[in-house]
Each structure stands twice: as structure tokens, then as C-alpha cells.
C-alpha atoms as a PDB file:
ATOM      1  CA  UNK A   1      -6.720   9.521   1.331  1.00  0.00           C
ATOM      2  CA  UNK A   2      -6.529  11.944   4.296  1.00  0.00           C
ATOM      3  CA  UNK A   3      -3.438  10.367   5.879  1.00  0.00           C
ATOM      4  CA  UNK A   4      -1.423  12.356   8.383  1.00  0.00           C
ATOM      5  CA  UNK A   5       1.798  13.753   6.961  1.00  0.00           C
ATOM      6  CA  UNK A   6       4.338  10.922   7.335  1.00  0.00           C
ATOM      7  CA  UNK A   7       7.050  13.183   8.716  1.00  0.00           C
ATOM      8  CA  UNK A   8       4.740  14.351  11.516  1.00  0.00           C
ATOM      9  CA  UNK A   9       3.601  10.801  12.258  1.00  0.00           C
ATOM     10  CA  UNK A  10       7.173   9.507  12.478  1.00  0.00           C
ATOM     11  CA  UNK A  11       8.023  12.318  14.902  1.00  0.00           C
ATOM     12  CA  UNK A  12       5.087  11.423  17.174  1.00  0.00           C
ATOM     13  CA  UNK A  13       5.854   7.691  17.132  1.00  0.00           C
ATOM     14  CA  UNK A  14       9.515   8.313  17.954  1.00  0.00           C
ATOM     15  CA  UNK A  15       8.485  10.127  21.141  1.00  0.00           C
ATOM     16  CA  UNK A  16       6.228   7.385  22.511  1.00  0.00           C
ATOM     17  CA  UNK A  17       7.427   5.634  25.680  1.00  0.00           C
ATOM     18  CA  UNK A  18       9.173   2.285  25.161  1.00  0.00           C
ATOM     19  CA  UNK A  19       7.009  -0.819  25.391  1.00  0.00           C
ATOM     20  CA  UNK A  20       7.862  -3.954  27.383  1.00  0.00           C
ATOM     21  CA  UNK A  21      10.233  -6.229  25.529  1.00  0.00           C
ATOM     22  CA  UNK A  22       8.630  -9.412  24.194  1.00  0.00           C
ATOM     23  CA  UNK A  23      10.518 -11.940  22.082  1.00  0.00           C
ATOM     24  CA  UNK A  24       7.247 -12.965  20.421  1.00  0.00           C
ATOM     25  CA  UNK A  25       6.851  -9.556  18.783  1.00  0.00           C
ATOM     26  CA  UNK A  26       8.387 -10.360  15.414  1.00  0.00           C
ATOM     27  CA  UNK A  27       7.361  -7.093  13.734  1.00  0.00           C
ATOM     28  CA  UNK A  28       6.357  -3.884  15.519  1.00  0.00           C
ATOM     29  CA  UNK A  29       6.018  -0.335  14.226  1.00  0.00           C
ATOM     30  CA  UNK A  30       9.687   0.564  14.602  1.00  0.00           C
ATOM     31  CA  UNK A  31      10.604  -0.005  10.935  1.00  0.00           C
ATOM     32  CA  UNK A  32       7.316   1.216   9.439  1.00  0.00           C
ATOM     33  CA  UNK A  33       6.373  -2.234   8.205  1.00  0.00           C
ATOM     34  CA  UNK A  34       2.930  -2.937   6.791  1.00  0.00           C
ATOM     35  CA  UNK A  35       1.491  -4.980   9.674  1.00  0.00           C
ATOM     36  CA  UNK A  36       2.367  -6.214  13.130  1.00  0.00           C
ATOM     37  CA  UNK A  37       3.371  -9.837  13.661  1.00  0.00           C
ATOM     38  CA  UNK A  38       3.102 -11.685  16.985  1.00  0.00           C
ATOM     39  CA  UNK A  39       4.302 -15.280  17.401  1.00  0.00           C
ATOM     40  CA  UNK A  40       1.832 -17.663  19.063  1.00  0.00           C
ATOM     41  CA  UNK A  41       3.791 -20.882  18.559  1.00  0.00           C
ATOM     42  CA  UNK A  42       6.932 -21.947  16.765  1.00  0.00           C
ATOM     43  CA  UNK A  43       4.867 -22.542  13.630  1.00  0.00           C
ATOM     44  CA  UNK A  44       2.121 -19.884  13.881  1.00  0.00           C
ATOM     45  CA  UNK A  45       2.112 -16.105  14.203  1.00  0.00           C
ATOM     46  CA  UNK A  46      -0.663 -13.508  14.089  1.00  0.00           C
ATOM     47  CA  UNK A  47      -0.537 -10.734  11.480  1.00  0.00           C
ATOM     48  CA  UNK A  48      -2.620  -7.674  12.341  1.00  0.00           C
ATOM     49  CA  UNK A  49      -3.387  -4.408  10.590  1.00  0.00           C
ATOM     50  CA  UNK A  50      -6.023  -1.675  10.386  1.00  0.00           C
ATOM     51  CA  UNK A  51      -6.914   0.788   7.632  1.00  0.00           C
ATOM     52  CA  UNK A  52      -9.824   3.075   6.817  1.00  0.00           C
ATOM     53  CA  UNK A  53     -10.332   6.171   4.702  1.00  0.00           C
ATOM     54  CA  UNK A  54     -12.817   8.621   3.215  1.00  0.00           C
ATOM     55  CA  UNK A  55     -14.837   7.756   0.054  1.00  0.00           C
ATOM     56  CA  UNK A  56     -12.688   6.964  -2.967  1.00  0.00           C
ATOM     57  CA  UNK A  57     -15.493   6.063  -5.420  1.00  0.00           C
ATOM     58  CA  UNK A  58     -18.931   7.446  -6.213  1.00  0.00           C
ATOM     59  CA  UNK A  59     -20.549   4.010  -6.079  1.00  0.00           C
ATOM     60  CA  UNK A  60     -20.973   2.891  -2.430  1.00  0.00           C
ATOM     61  CA  UNK A  61     -20.376  -0.813  -3.132  1.00  0.00           C
ATOM     62  CA  UNK A  62     -17.194  -0.067  -5.078  1.00  0.00           C
ATOM     63  CA  UNK A  63     -16.000   2.103  -2.183  1.00  0.00           C
ATOM     64  CA  UNK A  64     -16.615  -0.815   0.176  1.00  0.00           C
ATOM     65  CA  UNK A  65     -14.752  -3.212  -2.119  1.00  0.00           C
ATOM     66  CA  UNK A  66     -11.748  -0.903  -2.372  1.00  0.00           C
ATOM     67  CA  UNK A  67     -11.673  -0.432   1.409  1.00  0.00           C
ATOM     68  CA  UNK A  68     -11.582  -4.207   1.856  1.00  0.00           C
ATOM     69  CA  UNK A  69      -8.801  -4.747  -0.698  1.00  0.00           C
ATOM     70  CA  UNK A  70      -6.800  -1.878   0.791  1.00  0.00           C
ATOM     71  CA  UNK A  71      -7.034  -3.366   4.287  1.00  0.00           C
ATOM     72  CA  UNK A  72      -6.113  -6.859   3.125  1.00  0.00           C
ATOM     73  CA  UNK A  73      -3.044  -5.620   1.268  1.00  0.00           C
ATOM     74  CA  UNK A  74      -1.065  -5.168   4.487  1.00  0.00           C
ATOM     75  CA  UNK A  75      -1.590  -8.802   5.460  1.00  0.00           C
ATOM     76  CA  UNK A  76      -0.602  -9.992   2.001  1.00  0.00           C
ATOM     77  CA  UNK A  77       2.472  -7.756   1.958  1.00  0.00           C
ATOM     78  CA  UNK A  78       3.776  -9.637   5.015  1.00  0.00           C
ATOM     79  CA  UNK A  79       3.238 -12.997   3.308  1.00  0.00           C
ATOM     80  CA  UNK A  80       0.250 -13.719   5.543  1.00  0.00           C
ATOM     81  CA  UNK A  81      -3.167 -15.284   5.005  1.00  0.00           C
ATOM     82  CA  UNK A  82      -6.076 -13.107   6.227  1.00  0.00           C
ATOM     83  CA  UNK A  83      -8.735 -14.835   8.325  1.00  0.00           C
ATOM     84  CA  UNK A  84     -11.048 -12.358  10.056  1.00  0.00           C
ATOM     85  CA  UNK A  85     -11.967  -8.692   9.888  1.00  0.00           C
ATOM     86  CA  UNK A  86     -13.735  -6.066  11.986  1.00  0.00           C
ATOM     87  CA  UNK A  87     -15.429  -3.190  10.184  1.00  0.00           C
ATOM     88  CA  UNK A  88     -14.711   0.432  11.134  1.00  0.00           C
ATOM     89  CA  UNK A  89     -17.537   2.804  10.207  1.00  0.00           C
ATOM     90  CA  UNK A  90     -17.855   6.565  10.532  1.00  0.00           C
ATOM     91  CA  UNK A  91     -21.170   7.668   9.040  1.00  0.00           C
ATOM     92  CA  UNK A  92     -23.551  10.638   9.440  1.00  0.00           C
ATOM     93  CA  UNK A  93     -26.684   9.559  11.313  1.00  0.00           C
ATOM     94  CA  UNK A  94     -28.717  11.979   9.176  1.00  0.00           C
ATOM     95  CA  UNK A  95     -27.738  10.300   5.892  1.00  0.00           C
ATOM     96  CA  UNK A  96     -29.548   7.459   4.131  1.00  0.00           C
ATOM     97  CA  UNK A  97     -28.840   4.106   5.766  1.00  0.00           C
ATOM     98  CA  UNK A  98     -29.330   2.437   2.391  1.00  0.00           C
ATOM     99  CA  UNK A  99     -26.005   3.936   1.265  1.00  0.00           C
ATOM    100  CA  UNK A 100     -24.246   2.545   4.332  1.00  0.00           C
ATOM    101  CA  UNK A 101     -25.815  -0.852   3.620  1.00  0.00           C
ATOM    102  CA  UNK A 102     -24.270  -0.820   0.140  1.00  0.00           C
ATOM    103  CA  UNK A 103     -20.840   0.177   1.471  1.00  0.00           C
ATOM    104  CA  UNK A 104     -20.914  -2.645   4.011  1.00  0.00           C
ATOM    105  CA  UNK A 105     -22.225  -5.084   1.439  1.00  0.00           C
ATOM    106  CA  UNK A 106     -19.428  -4.329  -1.029  1.00  0.00           C
ATOM    107  CA  UNK A 107     -16.799  -4.689   1.660  1.00  0.00           C
ATOM    108  CA  UNK A 108     -18.204  -7.882   3.152  1.00  0.00           C
ATOM    109  CA  UNK A 109     -18.650  -9.547  -0.219  1.00  0.00           C
ATOM    110  CA  UNK A 110     -15.023  -8.795  -1.085  1.00  0.00           C
ATOM    111  CA  UNK A 111     -13.793 -10.082   2.260  1.00  0.00           C
ATOM    112  CA  UNK A 112     -15.760 -13.300   1.795  1.00  0.00           C
ATOM    113  CA  UNK A 113     -14.336 -13.740  -1.721  1.00  0.00           C
ATOM    114  CA  UNK A 114     -10.869 -13.554  -0.161  1.00  0.00           C
ATOM    115  CA  UNK A 115     -11.765 -16.236   2.386  1.00  0.00           C
ATOM    116  CA  UNK A 116     -12.158 -13.724   5.230  1.00  0.00           C
ATOM    117  CA  UNK A 117     -15.054 -13.634   7.702  1.00  0.00           C
ATOM    118  CA  UNK A 118     -16.304 -10.264   8.985  1.00  0.00           C
ATOM    119  CA  UNK A 119     -16.930 -10.875  12.697  1.00  0.00           C
ATOM    120  CA  UNK A 120     -18.427  -7.481  13.556  1.00  0.00           C
ATOM    121  CA  UNK A 121     -17.147  -3.949  13.937  1.00  0.00           C
ATOM    122  CA  UNK A 122     -17.715  -0.525  15.414  1.00  0.00           C
ATOM    123  CA  UNK A 123     -19.629   2.525  14.160  1.00  0.00           C
ATOM    124  CA  UNK A 124     -19.540   6.224  15.043  1.00  0.00           C
ATOM    125  CA  UNK A 125     -21.864   9.069  14.046  1.00  0.00           C
ATOM    126  CA  UNK A 126     -19.546  11.376  12.090  1.00  0.00           C
ATOM    127  CA  UNK A 127     -20.051  14.221   9.616  1.00  0.00           C
ATOM    128  CA  UNK A 128     -17.446  12.660   7.300  1.00  0.00           C
ATOM    129  CA  UNK A 129     -17.889   9.135   5.944  1.00  0.00           C
ATOM    130  CA  UNK A 130     -14.944   6.839   6.648  1.00  0.00           C
ATOM    131  CA  UNK A 131     -14.769   3.083   6.218  1.00  0.00           C
ATOM    132  CA  UNK A 132     -12.279   0.266   6.509  1.00  0.00           C
ATOM    133  CA  UNK A 133     -11.270  -2.810   8.460  1.00  0.00           C
ATOM    134  CA  UNK A 134      -9.030  -4.192  11.151  1.00  0.00           C
ATOM    135  CA  UNK A 135      -7.793  -7.504   9.753  1.00  0.00           C
ATOM    136  CA  UNK A 136      -6.178 -10.501  11.453  1.00  0.00           C
ATOM    137  CA  UNK A 137      -4.305 -13.213   9.611  1.00  0.00           C
ATOM    138  CA  UNK A 138      -1.805 -16.004  10.116  1.00  0.00           C
ATOM    139  CA  UNK A 139       1.753 -16.522   8.898  1.00  0.00           C
ATOM    140  CA  UNK A 140       4.534 -18.979   9.659  1.00  0.00           C
ATOM    141  CA  UNK A 141       7.136 -17.127  11.775  1.00  0.00           C
ATOM    142  CA  UNK A 142       9.895 -18.260   9.398  1.00  0.00           C
ATOM    143  CA  UNK A 143       8.045 -17.021   6.312  1.00  0.00           C
ATOM    144  CA  UNK A 144       7.253 -13.452   7.328  1.00  0.00           C
ATOM    145  CA  UNK A 145       8.158 -11.092   4.483  1.00  0.00           C
ATOM    146  CA  UNK A 146       9.365  -7.849   6.066  1.00  0.00           C
ATOM    147  CA  UNK A 147      10.385  -4.560   4.487  1.00  0.00           C
ATOM    148  CA  UNK A 148      13.890  -5.014   5.876  1.00  0.00           C
ATOM    149  CA  UNK A 149      15.345  -7.903   3.874  1.00  0.00           C
ATOM    150  CA  UNK A 150      16.177  -6.384   0.466  1.00  0.00           C
ATOM    151  CA  UNK A 151      19.638  -7.383  -0.789  1.00  0.00           C
ATOM    152  CA  UNK A 152      22.000  -5.748  -3.301  1.00  0.00           C
ATOM    153  CA  UNK A 153      21.523  -7.436  -6.655  1.00  0.00           C
ATOM    154  CA  UNK A 154      17.778  -7.946  -6.141  1.00  0.00           C
ATOM    155  CA  UNK A 155      15.302  -6.713  -8.718  1.00  0.00           C
ATOM    156  CA  UNK A 156      12.388  -4.476  -7.720  1.00  0.00           C
ATOM    157  CA  UNK A 157       8.973  -5.721  -8.827  1.00  0.00           C
ATOM    158  CA  UNK A 158       5.766  -3.644  -8.806  1.00  0.00           C
ATOM    159  CA  UNK A 159       2.441  -5.446  -9.206  1.00  0.00           C
ATOM    160  CA  UNK A 160       0.101  -2.549 -10.078  1.00  0.00           C
ATOM    161  CA  UNK A 161       0.376   0.677 -12.085  1.00  0.00           C
ATOM    162  CA  UNK A 162       0.424   4.026 -10.273  1.00  0.00           C
ATOM    163  CA  UNK A 163      -1.906   6.990 -10.460  1.00  0.00           C
ATOM    164  CA  UNK A 164      -4.978   6.416  -8.307  1.00  0.00           C
ATOM    165  CA  UNK A 165      -4.346   9.560  -6.262  1.00  0.00           C
ATOM    166  CA  UNK A 166      -4.321  11.829  -9.311  1.00  0.00           C
ATOM    167  CA  UNK A 167      -7.296  10.055 -10.861  1.00  0.00           C
ATOM    168  CA  UNK A 168      -9.482  10.179  -7.749  1.00  0.00           C
ATOM    169  CA  UNK A 169      -8.666  13.890  -7.432  1.00  0.00           C
ATOM    170  CA  UNK A 170      -9.779  14.312 -11.036  1.00  0.00           C
ATOM    171  CA  UNK A 171     -12.973  12.394 -10.259  1.00  0.00           C
ATOM    172  CA  UNK A 172     -13.781  14.793  -7.418  1.00  0.00           C
ATOM    173  CA  UNK A 173     -13.222  17.745  -9.765  1.00  0.00           C
ATOM    174  CA  UNK A 174     -15.295  16.186 -12.527  1.00  0.00           C
ATOM    175  CA  UNK A 175     -12.562  16.056 -15.171  1.00  0.00           C
ATOM    176  CA  UNK A 176     -11.671  12.345 -15.335  1.00  0.00           C
ATOM    177  CA  UNK A 177     -12.597  10.371 -18.447  1.00  0.00           C
ATOM    178  CA  UNK A 178     -14.894   7.391 -17.981  1.00  0.00           C
ATOM    179  CA  UNK A 179     -12.304   4.915 -19.260  1.00  0.00           C
ATOM    180  CA  UNK A 180      -9.684   6.372 -16.919  1.00  0.00           C
ATOM    181  CA  UNK A 181     -12.021   6.026 -13.936  1.00  0.00           C
ATOM    182  CA  UNK A 182     -12.833   2.426 -14.919  1.00  0.00           C
ATOM    183  CA  UNK A 183      -9.135   1.551 -15.134  1.00  0.00           C
ATOM    184  CA  UNK A 184      -8.475   3.008 -11.676  1.00  0.00           C
ATOM    185  CA  UNK A 185     -11.446   1.206 -10.116  1.00  0.00           C
ATOM    186  CA  UNK A 186     -10.364  -2.067 -11.692  1.00  0.00           C
ATOM    187  CA  UNK A 187      -6.856  -1.730 -10.232  1.00  0.00           C
ATOM    188  CA  UNK A 188      -8.077  -0.709  -6.775  1.00  0.00           C
ATOM    189  CA  UNK A 189     -10.395  -3.721  -6.544  1.00  0.00           C
ATOM    190  CA  UNK A 190      -7.725  -6.177  -7.696  1.00  0.00           C
ATOM    191  CA  UNK A 191      -6.684  -8.661  -5.014  1.00  0.00           C
ATOM    192  CA  UNK A 192      -3.044  -9.123  -4.026  1.00  0.00           C
ATOM    193  CA  UNK A 193      -3.642 -12.715  -2.864  1.00  0.00           C
ATOM    194  CA  UNK A 194      -2.067 -14.382  -5.895  1.00  0.00           C
ATOM    195  CA  UNK A 195       0.958 -12.075  -5.880  1.00  0.00           C
ATOM    196  CA  UNK A 196       1.487 -12.657  -2.152  1.00  0.00           C
ATOM    197  CA  UNK A 197       1.242 -16.433  -2.540  1.00  0.00           C
ATOM    198  CA  UNK A 198       3.772 -16.422  -5.369  1.00  0.00           C
ATOM    199  CA  UNK A 199       6.250 -14.084  -3.684  1.00  0.00           C
ATOM    200  CA  UNK A 200       6.389 -16.405  -0.659  1.00  0.00           C
ATOM    201  CA  UNK A 201       6.751 -19.419  -2.923  1.00  0.00           C
ATOM    202  CA  UNK A 202       9.709 -17.947  -4.858  1.00  0.00           C
ATOM    203  CA  UNK A 203      11.415 -16.612  -1.706  1.00  0.00           C
ATOM    204  CA  UNK A 204      10.923 -12.833  -1.663  1.00  0.00           C
ATOM    205  CA  UNK A 205      13.554 -10.998   0.352  1.00  0.00           C
ATOM    206  CA  UNK A 206      11.384  -7.964   1.168  1.00  0.00           C
ATOM    207  CA  UNK A 207       8.004  -6.443   0.383  1.00  0.00           C
ATOM    208  CA  UNK A 208       5.805  -3.443   1.100  1.00  0.00           C
ATOM    209  CA  UNK A 209       2.520  -2.299  -0.383  1.00  0.00           C
ATOM    210  CA  UNK A 210       2.243   1.097  -2.065  1.00  0.00           C
ATOM    211  CA  UNK A 211      -0.389   3.243  -0.392  1.00  0.00           C
ATOM    212  CA  UNK A 212      -0.544   6.744   1.061  1.00  0.00           C
ATOM    213  CA  UNK A 213       3.171   7.547   1.015  1.00  0.00           C
ATOM    214  CA  UNK A 214       3.451   6.853  -2.706  1.00  0.00           C
ATOM    215  CA  UNK A 215       5.996   4.658  -4.476  1.00  0.00           C
ATOM    216  CA  UNK A 216       8.935   6.808  -3.377  1.00  0.00           C
ATOM    217  CA  UNK A 217       7.770   7.067   0.241  1.00  0.00           C
ATOM    218  CA  UNK A 218       7.297   3.332   0.684  1.00  0.00           C
ATOM    219  CA  UNK A 219      10.461   2.529  -1.289  1.00  0.00           C
ATOM    220  CA  UNK A 220      12.312   4.869   1.056  1.00  0.00           C
ATOM    221  CA  UNK A 221      11.033   2.938   4.074  1.00  0.00           C
ATOM    222  CA  UNK A 222      12.078  -0.371   2.494  1.00  0.00           C
ATOM    223  CA  UNK A 223      15.550   0.941   1.639  1.00  0.00           C
ATOM    224  CA  UNK A 224      16.068   2.456   5.073  1.00  0.00           C
ATOM    225  CA  UNK A 225      14.903  -0.680   6.900  1.00  0.00           C
ATOM    226  CA  UNK A 226      17.069  -2.930   4.690  1.00  0.00           C
ATOM    227  CA  UNK A 227      20.228  -0.824   4.831  1.00  0.00           C
ATOM    228  CA  UNK A 228      20.409  -0.544   1.034  1.00  0.00           C
ATOM    229  CA  UNK A 229      19.733   1.921  -1.771  1.00  0.00           C
ATOM    230  CA  UNK A 230      17.180   1.466  -4.540  1.00  0.00           C
ATOM    231  CA  UNK A 231      17.655   2.449  -8.168  1.00  0.00           C
ATOM    232  CA  UNK A 232      14.289   3.048  -9.832  1.00  0.00           C
ATOM    233  CA  UNK A 233      13.986   3.464 -13.597  1.00  0.00           C
ATOM    234  CA  UNK A 234      11.198   6.001 -14.110  1.00  0.00           C
ATOM    235  CA  UNK A 235      10.585   4.847 -17.682  1.00  0.00           C
ATOM    236  CA  UNK A 236       9.761   1.330 -16.486  1.00  0.00           C
ATOM    237  CA  UNK A 237       7.251   2.358 -13.818  1.00  0.00           C
ATOM    238  CA  UNK A 238       3.714   1.518 -15.074  1.00  0.00           C
ATOM    239  CA  UNK A 239       1.056   4.237 -14.952  1.00  0.00           C
ATOM    240  CA  UNK A 240      -2.706   4.218 -15.275  1.00  0.00           C
ATOM    241  CA  UNK A 241      -4.204   5.997 -18.314  1.00  0.00           C
ATOM    242  CA  UNK A 242      -3.999   9.816 -18.492  1.00  0.00           C
ATOM    243  CA  UNK A 243      -2.087  10.129 -15.203  1.00  0.00           C
ATOM    244  CA  UNK A 244       0.653  12.432 -16.480  1.00  0.00           C
ATOM    245  CA  UNK A 245      -1.878  14.610 -18.287  1.00  0.00           C
ATOM    246  CA  UNK A 246      -4.029  14.907 -15.163  1.00  0.00           C
ATOM    247  CA  UNK A 247      -0.999  15.784 -13.052  1.00  0.00           C
ATOM    248  CA  UNK A 248      -0.061  18.495 -15.575  1.00  0.00           C
ATOM    249  CA  UNK A 249      -3.557  19.910 -14.986  1.00  0.00           C
ATOM    250  CA  UNK A 250      -2.904  20.112 -11.235  1.00  0.00           C
ATOM    251  CA  UNK A 251      -4.745  16.959 -10.136  1.00  0.00           C
ATOM    252  CA  UNK A 252      -2.600  16.410  -7.066  1.00  0.00           C
ATOM    253  CA  UNK A 253      -3.406  15.693  -3.442  1.00  0.00           C
ATOM    254  CA  UNK A 254      -1.624  17.204  -0.466  1.00  0.00           C
ATOM    255  CA  UNK A 255       0.132  13.842  -0.231  1.00  0.00           C
ATOM    256  CA  UNK A 256       2.431  14.925  -3.072  1.00  0.00           C
ATOM    257  CA  UNK A 257       3.872  17.680  -0.902  1.00  0.00           C
ATOM    258  CA  UNK A 258       3.828  15.629   2.307  1.00  0.00           C
ATOM    259  CA  UNK A 259       5.569  12.653   0.723  1.00  0.00           C
ATOM    260  CA  UNK A 260       8.304  14.845  -0.760  1.00  0.00           C
ATOM    261  CA  UNK A 261       8.907  16.375   2.670  1.00  0.00           C
ATOM    262  CA  UNK A 262       9.016  12.913   4.240  1.00  0.00           C
ATOM    263  CA  UNK A 263      11.869  11.571   2.122  1.00  0.00           C
ATOM    264  CA  UNK A 264      13.708  14.908   1.909  1.00  0.00           C
ATOM    265  CA  UNK A 265      17.184  14.643   0.438  1.00  0.00           C
ATOM    266  CA  UNK A 266      17.180  10.827   0.732  1.00  0.00           C
ATOM    267  CA  UNK A 267      15.994  10.713  -2.891  1.00  0.00           C
ATOM    268  CA  UNK A 268      17.939  11.870  -5.938  1.00  0.00           C
ATOM    269  CA  UNK A 269      16.007  12.281  -9.190  1.00  0.00           C
ATOM    270  CA  UNK A 270      17.723  12.670 -12.545  1.00  0.00           C
ATOM    271  CA  UNK A 271      17.002  16.082 -14.122  1.00  0.00           C
ATOM    272  CA  UNK A 272      15.535  14.515 -17.262  1.00  0.00           C
ATOM    273  CA  UNK A 273      12.684  12.871 -15.311  1.00  0.00           C
ATOM    274  CA  UNK A 274       9.711  15.130 -16.001  1.00  0.00           C
ATOM    275  CA  UNK A 275       7.977  17.073 -13.262  1.00  0.00           C
ATOM    276  CA  UNK A 276       4.773  15.134 -13.975  1.00  0.00           C
ATOM    277  CA  UNK A 277       6.541  11.783 -13.688  1.00  0.00           C
ATOM    278  CA  UNK A 278       8.123  12.840 -10.419  1.00  0.00           C
ATOM    279  CA  UNK A 279       4.676  13.633  -9.018  1.00  0.00           C
ATOM    280  CA  UNK A 280       3.397  10.257 -10.219  1.00  0.00           C
ATOM    281  CA  UNK A 281       6.143   8.593  -8.178  1.00  0.00           C
ATOM    282  CA  UNK A 282       5.075  10.530  -5.071  1.00  0.00           C
ATOM    283  CA  UNK A 283       1.335  10.148  -5.774  1.00  0.00           C
ATOM    284  CA  UNK A 284      -0.535   8.601  -2.796  1.00  0.00           C
ATOM    285  CA  UNK A 285      -2.138   5.298  -3.779  1.00  0.00           C
ATOM    286  CA  UNK A 286      -5.172   3.464  -2.480  1.00  0.00           C
ATOM    287  CA  UNK A 287      -5.131  -0.360  -2.614  1.00  0.00           C
ATOM    288  CA  UNK A 288      -1.884  -0.056  -4.565  1.00  0.00           C
ATOM    289  CA  UNK A 289       0.476  -2.754  -5.720  1.00  0.00           C
ATOM    290  CA  UNK A 290       3.140  -4.686  -3.877  1.00  0.00           C
ATOM    291  CA  UNK A 291       6.758  -3.556  -4.198  1.00  0.00           C
ATOM    292  CA  UNK A 292       8.803  -6.747  -3.914  1.00  0.00           C
ATOM    293  CA  UNK A 293      12.556  -7.313  -3.700  1.00  0.00           C
ATOM    294  CA  UNK A 294      13.490 -10.584  -5.435  1.00  0.00           C
ATOM    295  CA  UNK A 295      16.641 -12.254  -6.660  1.00  0.00           C
ATOM    296  CA  UNK A 296      16.869 -12.160 -10.494  1.00  0.00           C
ATOM    297  CA  UNK A 297      15.985 -15.853 -10.757  1.00  0.00           C
ATOM    298  CA  UNK A 298      13.023 -15.477  -8.401  1.00  0.00           C
ATOM    299  CA  UNK A 299      11.884 -12.355 -10.248  1.00  0.00           C
ATOM    300  CA  UNK A 300      11.854 -14.235 -13.544  1.00  0.00           C
ATOM    301  CA  UNK A 301       9.758 -17.019 -12.010  1.00  0.00           C
ATOM    302  CA  UNK A 302       7.421 -14.537 -10.325  1.00  0.00           C
ATOM    303  CA  UNK A 303       6.745 -12.529 -13.483  1.00  0.00           C
ATOM    304  CA  UNK A 304       6.055 -15.769 -15.316  1.00  0.00           C
ATOM    305  CA  UNK A 305       3.148 -16.392 -12.932  1.00  0.00           C
ATOM    306  CA  UNK A 306       1.874 -12.912 -11.960  1.00  0.00           C
ATOM    307  CA  UNK A 307       1.302  -9.745 -13.972  1.00  0.00           C
ATOM    308  CA  UNK A 308       4.004  -7.444 -12.665  1.00  0.00           C
ATOM    309  CA  UNK A 309       6.739  -5.036 -13.742  1.00  0.00           C
ATOM    310  CA  UNK A 310      10.482  -4.824 -13.114  1.00  0.00           C
ATOM    311  CA  UNK A 311      11.079  -1.177 -12.199  1.00  0.00           C
ATOM    312  CA  UNK A 312      14.611  -1.167 -10.823  1.00  0.00           C
ATOM    313  CA  UNK A 313      17.165  -2.863  -8.634  1.00  0.00           C
ATOM    314  CA  UNK A 314      18.629  -2.946  -5.140  1.00  0.00           C
ATOM    315  CA  UNK A 315      22.192  -1.639  -4.812  1.00  0.00           C
ATOM    316  CA  UNK A 316      24.730  -1.173  -2.046  1.00  0.00           C
ATOM    317  CA  UNK A 317      23.949   1.855   0.070  1.00  0.00           C
ATOM    318  CA  UNK A 318      26.067   4.712  -1.206  1.00  0.00           C
ATOM    319  CA  UNK A 319      24.632   8.213  -0.981  1.00  0.00           C
ATOM    320  CA  UNK A 320      20.865   8.696  -1.398  1.00  0.00           C
ATOM    321  CA  UNK A 321      18.532   5.875  -0.406  1.00  0.00           C
ATOM    322  CA  UNK A 322      16.540   6.271  -3.634  1.00  0.00           C
ATOM    323  CA  UNK A 323      17.966   7.023  -7.080  1.00  0.00           C
ATOM    324  CA  UNK A 324      15.425   7.738  -9.825  1.00  0.00           C
ATOM    325  CA  UNK A 325      16.889   7.611 -13.317  1.00  0.00           C
END
């Protein structure tokens, strides 16, 4: 994980000097969207993103695969089609190069399976292993799916269960069951390509992918950017196996605390939602699912084609940005 605390990052970004105005910048970092979008022509725009992180799996090839899927998610969340990638590698020079080869192999194979070509990259001798990609894709300027278009009356769709943060913490502490680890690895290596294709086809109003800021943190950004509130039904949010039990045992990352601080009093959680479930909603995810805002008719069509879960609805902004019931 190892993301900077979102509240600190937002503060830094807000103090950067203004950039030159350019009408071709369709999406910048101002609304915390998943990727940047730059229009090249009336019918073509670039989608660009970058993501890398410390090891999330014991197996090097699986780590590489997860890093690739995680990086691609941002392109898919914008409704884009990824084309090329550049690898980002931090690796100790003193360590076995055979391990690095397996990391790169897992990542490249996954990229190729998604129709993406790895053009090259950059490496740095570092005591801590980190790996990921900068990815470039294409999207039609009129079909960009931003995090700012959610409308009251929409349904909220989540495409993957939560809990990878708690499970990977349990893995590091040696207390995760084998079947729980397998379920988490399967989810983290699951492509979002099909879900992205379908959400564009049915006319998604807004989307974001759930990663380091947890479901609540990313839902907060979507609600704030869209000028709406979100009502999330905790009982309908899918979880990976054993997540609540692991959280009750203290398998939490620092992201739990950071993400709570980030949203502050913009979230209101019903008192009957358990402490463990609350932490699951704030749990930082790696290669998490898409959170999509769809009209009821579009949601019905989407769920008929893609495995996904209705977890709530978009409502008029009145009070907290996020209501968890």
C-alpha cells in the first residue's frame, strides 16, 4: 500500500502554482479523478496514469500481475482503452535478479493479455522493492467517464468485493488462511476490461476505482465532484472471506486511520453498523473494483452482463456526502 495520507496529499496539491489553461485538458487532478485526459483531436483523447507499490504477494509473478491490473484500472475507470505501458522498478541491487525477472514477467504477461505493449521503463537501486506502470490509453472525448457525473436516482454498482488491505496485512503477519489468500489474489488479478466496456456501452454517469483510499474515501471523492450525496447500504457491500474476523483481530493498515481522517465529518455511519464493517469500508484496496453510478435501467442491464453488486444509491446533496446505513 504505502500511499501518502490523502488529507496531506490534498493539502500539498492545493498549494501548487496554477498551470497554464488549455482547453484540451479534459481531466486534470483538480477533482481527484483516476487518470488525466488530454484531447488530441475531436474524436481522440489520451488517458494517462501511473501507479506503483510495495510487494502485495509472496509470489513474484503474482505481485507483477497485480501491479499491472492495478495500473490498468485507472484507464478502465475513465472508460478508456489502454495501449502502452512503461515499467517503474525500485529494486535492491544486492538481491537476486531472478526474482526481479519473475516480477517483470508476471506484469508484462498480464499487460500483453490486456492488449497492452510494454515499451520500456525505468529502474532505481532501492532498499525497498516497488513496482508498477505508467499507462497510456485512448478514449473518445465524448465518452470519458469522470467521477463527477453521478445523478440523484442513480444506483451505485461495485464490481469486486472488499478486504484486500486486511487480508494482505494478515498475510504479512502469517495468520491468513490459504483459501482466504487465494480469494484475495484471484480478485486482485481480475481484469476490469469487461466491466469498463459494459459501463460505457450502457451509459455510465460516473465511475472511480477503489484503491488506497478505500470504498468510503473514493466514494467521498465521487460525491464531492458530482455535487451529490451517496447512500451506501453496508449489508449489501460484498466482502472477501474472513475479512471481518481478521479486522476484529487487528489486521488493519495505517490507511484505515488516514482514510477516516480524510473524509472527516463528511460521512455519517448508522450506529448499528459494526466497528469491523466500518473498517472494511475504509480498508485500502489494491486492484479493487469499479464503483459506478448508473441509472436503474442501465444498472439492470450492466448486472445482467457483468458480475457486480448494487450497494446503494445517489441522492440529492443534503447534509453528509456519504450516508452508511
